[in-house]
Amino acid sequence: MSEVQPETDARGIAEEARARVRFEEEVLGLADQVYRVARRLVSTREEAEDLVQETYARVLTRPRRLRNADELGYLLRTMRNTFVDVHARRRRLTTTELNEELVEAAPGAGVPGADATAEAHDVLRAVAALPADFRDVLVAVDLTGLSYAETARALDIPAGTVMSRLYRARERVARLVA
């Protein structure tokens, strides 16, 4: 009986190693999509790269067996948790009073496109202010370009919930921006 156990253990270890390699290949193949979402969450390219790197470090140190091809959902949930754990704590909003004379004299004031840039920042701030459930759906559909079905699979929620949350998220963003 002791002779059978080492063979069984060796097969189990080999299967586990193959599963880990498959997992890593599948997860690494989604890096572009994960980066696009990260880029929307943070303000600079470098922060997005750091967030993706930290997300992959977490995922690859604790691989799991994926079911129903939800690698993207697993990665996005891990990235959201990483963002909240690491990046959100680093940010501290500070407010200062604006001097109207300095604003009018600032480079780019009155430049075409400056208003559009300011509006885009307002929209992103409004998206960031949404509850996590709404924000995740809005980012997945509107910023990442996932379909409702892909978003439902990625976030492990029904497609009807995706549509409902997306509608309410868009409505809240519109209210906050207006």
Protein backbone atom coordinates (compact mmCIF):
# COMPACT_ATOMS: atom_id res chain seq x y z
CA MET A 1 0.00 0.00 0.00
CA SER A 2 2.90 2.36 0.65
CA GLU A 3 4.07 1.81 -2.96
CA VAL A 4 0.79 3.09 -4.43
CA GLN A 5 0.72 6.27 -2.39
CA PRO A 6 3.93 7.85 -3.83
CA GLU A 7 2.64 7.29 -7.38
CA THR A 8 -0.71 8.84 -6.48
CA ASP A 9 1.03 11.76 -4.80
CA ALA A 10 3.30 12.27 -7.83
CA ARG A 11 0.30 12.26 -10.18
CA GLY A 12 -1.51 14.73 -7.95
CA ILE A 13 1.50 17.03 -7.83
CA ALA A 14 1.93 16.84 -11.62
CA GLU A 15 -1.76 17.60 -12.20
CA GLU A 16 -1.59 20.49 -9.76
CA ALA A 17 1.47 21.89 -11.61
CA ARG A 18 -0.33 21.60 -14.97
CA ALA A 19 -3.39 23.33 -13.53
CA ARG A 20 -1.23 26.17 -12.20
CA VAL A 21 0.43 26.65 -15.61
CA ARG A 22 -3.00 26.71 -17.33
CA PHE A 23 -4.26 29.20 -14.74
CA GLU A 24 -1.24 31.47 -15.22
CA GLU A 25 -1.56 31.37 -19.01
CA GLU A 26 -5.27 32.19 -18.87
CA VAL A 27 -4.82 35.00 -16.36
CA LEU A 28 -1.81 36.53 -18.11
CA GLY A 29 -3.73 36.51 -21.38
CA LEU A 30 -6.18 39.02 -19.88
CA ALA A 31 -3.55 41.61 -18.95
CA ASP A 32 -4.66 44.15 -21.59
CA GLN A 33 -8.26 44.13 -20.40
CA VAL A 34 -7.21 44.36 -16.76
CA TYR A 35 -4.90 47.29 -17.59
CA ARG A 36 -7.74 49.16 -19.36
CA VAL A 37 -9.91 48.89 -16.27
CA ALA A 38 -7.02 49.87 -14.00
CA ARG A 39 -6.33 52.92 -16.16
CA ARG A 40 -9.87 54.09 -15.52
CA LEU A 41 -9.54 53.64 -11.76
CA VAL A 42 -6.36 55.64 -11.26
CA SER A 43 -5.10 58.93 -12.59
CA THR A 44 -1.76 58.03 -14.19
CA ARG A 45 -0.35 55.32 -16.42
CA GLU A 46 2.24 54.46 -13.79
CA GLU A 47 -0.39 53.99 -11.08
CA ALA A 48 -2.38 51.75 -13.44
CA GLU A 49 0.70 49.64 -14.15
CA ASP A 50 1.40 49.37 -10.42
CA LEU A 51 -2.21 48.37 -9.73
CA VAL A 52 -2.11 45.67 -12.41
CA GLN A 53 1.22 44.42 -11.09
CA GLU A 54 -0.06 44.26 -7.52
CA THR A 55 -3.23 42.50 -8.70
CA TYR A 56 -1.26 39.88 -10.60
CA ALA A 57 1.10 39.43 -7.66
CA ARG A 58 -1.89 38.64 -5.43
CA VAL A 59 -3.51 36.34 -7.98
CA LEU A 60 -0.38 34.40 -8.89
CA THR A 61 0.72 33.85 -5.29
CA ARG A 62 -2.61 32.17 -4.53
CA PRO A 63 -3.80 30.47 -7.73
CA ARG A 64 -7.12 28.75 -7.77
CA ARG A 65 -8.98 26.49 -10.11
CA LEU A 66 -11.32 28.49 -12.28
CA ARG A 67 -14.82 27.36 -13.03
CA ASN A 68 -17.05 28.53 -15.86
CA ALA A 69 -14.26 30.63 -17.40
CA ASP A 70 -14.65 33.50 -14.94
CA GLU A 71 -10.98 34.49 -15.01
CA LEU A 72 -11.79 38.08 -15.92
CA GLY A 73 -14.32 38.42 -13.12
CA TYR A 74 -11.86 36.95 -10.65
CA LEU A 75 -9.16 39.36 -11.81
CA LEU A 76 -11.46 42.39 -11.71
CA ARG A 77 -12.68 41.54 -8.22
CA THR A 78 -9.10 41.06 -7.07
CA MET A 79 -8.09 44.37 -8.67
CA ARG A 80 -10.99 46.17 -7.03
CA ASN A 81 -9.96 44.77 -3.65
CA THR A 82 -6.33 45.67 -4.30
CA PHE A 83 -7.35 49.19 -5.30
CA VAL A 84 -9.40 49.63 -2.15
CA ASP A 85 -6.75 48.08 0.08
CA VAL A 86 -3.72 49.86 -1.31
CA HIS A 87 -4.52 52.80 -3.56
CA ALA A 88 -7.58 54.24 -1.88
CA ARG A 89 -5.74 54.49 1.43
CA ARG A 90 -2.87 56.39 -0.20
CA ARG A 91 -5.13 59.08 -1.54
CA ARG A 92 -6.05 61.87 0.74
CA LEU A 93 -8.16 64.59 -0.75
CA THR A 94 -7.08 68.08 0.15
CA THR A 95 -9.03 71.18 -0.70
CA THR A 96 -7.79 74.68 -1.13
CA GLU A 97 -9.52 77.88 -2.03
CA LEU A 98 -9.17 78.94 -5.64
CA ASN A 99 -8.06 82.43 -6.47
CA GLU A 100 -10.23 83.49 -9.44
CA GLU A 101 -7.49 85.72 -10.87
CA LEU A 102 -5.07 82.80 -10.97
CA VAL A 103 -7.65 80.56 -12.62
CA GLU A 104 -8.27 83.07 -15.41
CA ALA A 105 -4.54 83.61 -15.95
CA ALA A 106 -3.68 79.90 -15.82
CA PRO A 107 -2.19 78.33 -18.93
CA GLY A 108 -4.90 76.59 -20.89
CA ALA A 109 -7.69 78.82 -19.60
CA GLY A 110 -9.93 79.58 -22.55
CA VAL A 111 -8.17 76.96 -24.68
CA PRO A 112 -10.50 74.84 -26.80
CA GLY A 113 -10.85 71.42 -25.23
CA ALA A 114 -10.15 72.61 -21.68
CA ASP A 115 -13.86 72.51 -20.86
CA ALA A 116 -14.16 68.97 -22.24
CA THR A 117 -11.22 67.88 -20.11
CA ALA A 118 -12.78 69.44 -17.02
CA GLU A 119 -16.10 67.72 -17.79
CA ALA A 120 -14.32 64.38 -18.23
CA HIS A 121 -12.68 64.81 -14.81
CA ASP A 122 -16.10 65.63 -13.31
CA VAL A 123 -17.56 62.46 -14.83
CA LEU A 124 -14.68 60.31 -13.53
CA ARG A 125 -15.07 61.83 -10.06
CA ALA A 126 -18.79 61.05 -10.18
CA VAL A 127 -18.05 57.46 -11.23
CA ALA A 128 -15.55 57.11 -8.39
CA ALA A 129 -18.19 58.35 -5.93
CA LEU A 130 -20.64 55.57 -6.89
CA PRO A 131 -21.16 52.58 -4.60
CA ALA A 132 -18.88 49.70 -5.60
CA ASP A 133 -21.67 47.56 -7.11
CA PHE A 134 -22.78 50.33 -9.45
CA ARG A 135 -19.23 51.45 -10.25
CA ASP A 136 -18.09 47.93 -11.16
CA VAL A 137 -20.94 47.48 -13.66
CA LEU A 138 -20.46 50.96 -15.15
CA VAL A 139 -16.72 50.47 -15.58
CA ALA A 140 -17.16 47.00 -17.07
CA VAL A 141 -19.77 48.05 -19.66
CA ASP A 142 -19.03 51.70 -20.47
CA LEU A 143 -15.28 51.90 -19.98
CA THR A 144 -14.06 48.38 -20.69
CA GLY A 145 -16.60 47.64 -23.39
CA LEU A 146 -17.84 44.31 -22.05
CA SER A 147 -21.29 43.14 -23.12
CA TYR A 148 -24.03 42.70 -20.54
CA ALA A 149 -23.52 38.92 -20.62
CA GLU A 150 -19.73 39.23 -20.22
CA THR A 151 -20.21 41.67 -17.36
CA ALA A 152 -22.70 39.34 -15.68
CA ARG A 153 -20.21 36.47 -15.89
CA ALA A 154 -17.27 38.63 -14.78
CA LEU A 155 -19.09 40.00 -11.73
CA ASP A 156 -21.03 36.79 -11.04
CA ILE A 157 -24.45 38.49 -11.12
CA PRO A 158 -27.53 37.99 -13.32
CA ALA A 159 -27.73 39.92 -16.63
CA GLY A 160 -30.89 41.68 -15.43
CA THR A 161 -28.99 42.97 -12.42
CA VAL A 162 -26.30 44.30 -14.76
CA MET A 163 -28.88 46.27 -16.74
CA SER A 164 -30.57 47.60 -13.61
CA ARG A 165 -27.33 48.66 -11.92
CA LEU A 166 -26.02 50.20 -15.14
CA TYR A 167 -29.18 52.29 -15.55
CA ARG A 168 -29.04 53.49 -11.95
CA ALA A 169 -25.29 54.15 -12.13
CA ARG A 170 -25.66 56.25 -15.30
CA GLU A 171 -28.55 58.13 -13.73
CA ARG A 172 -26.50 58.93 -10.60
CA VAL A 173 -23.49 60.05 -12.63
CA ALA A 174 -25.69 62.33 -14.73
CA ARG A 175 -27.22 63.82 -11.58
CA LEU A 176 -23.81 64.35 -9.95
CA VAL A 177 -22.34 65.98 -13.06
CA ALA A 178 -25.38 68.20 -13.65
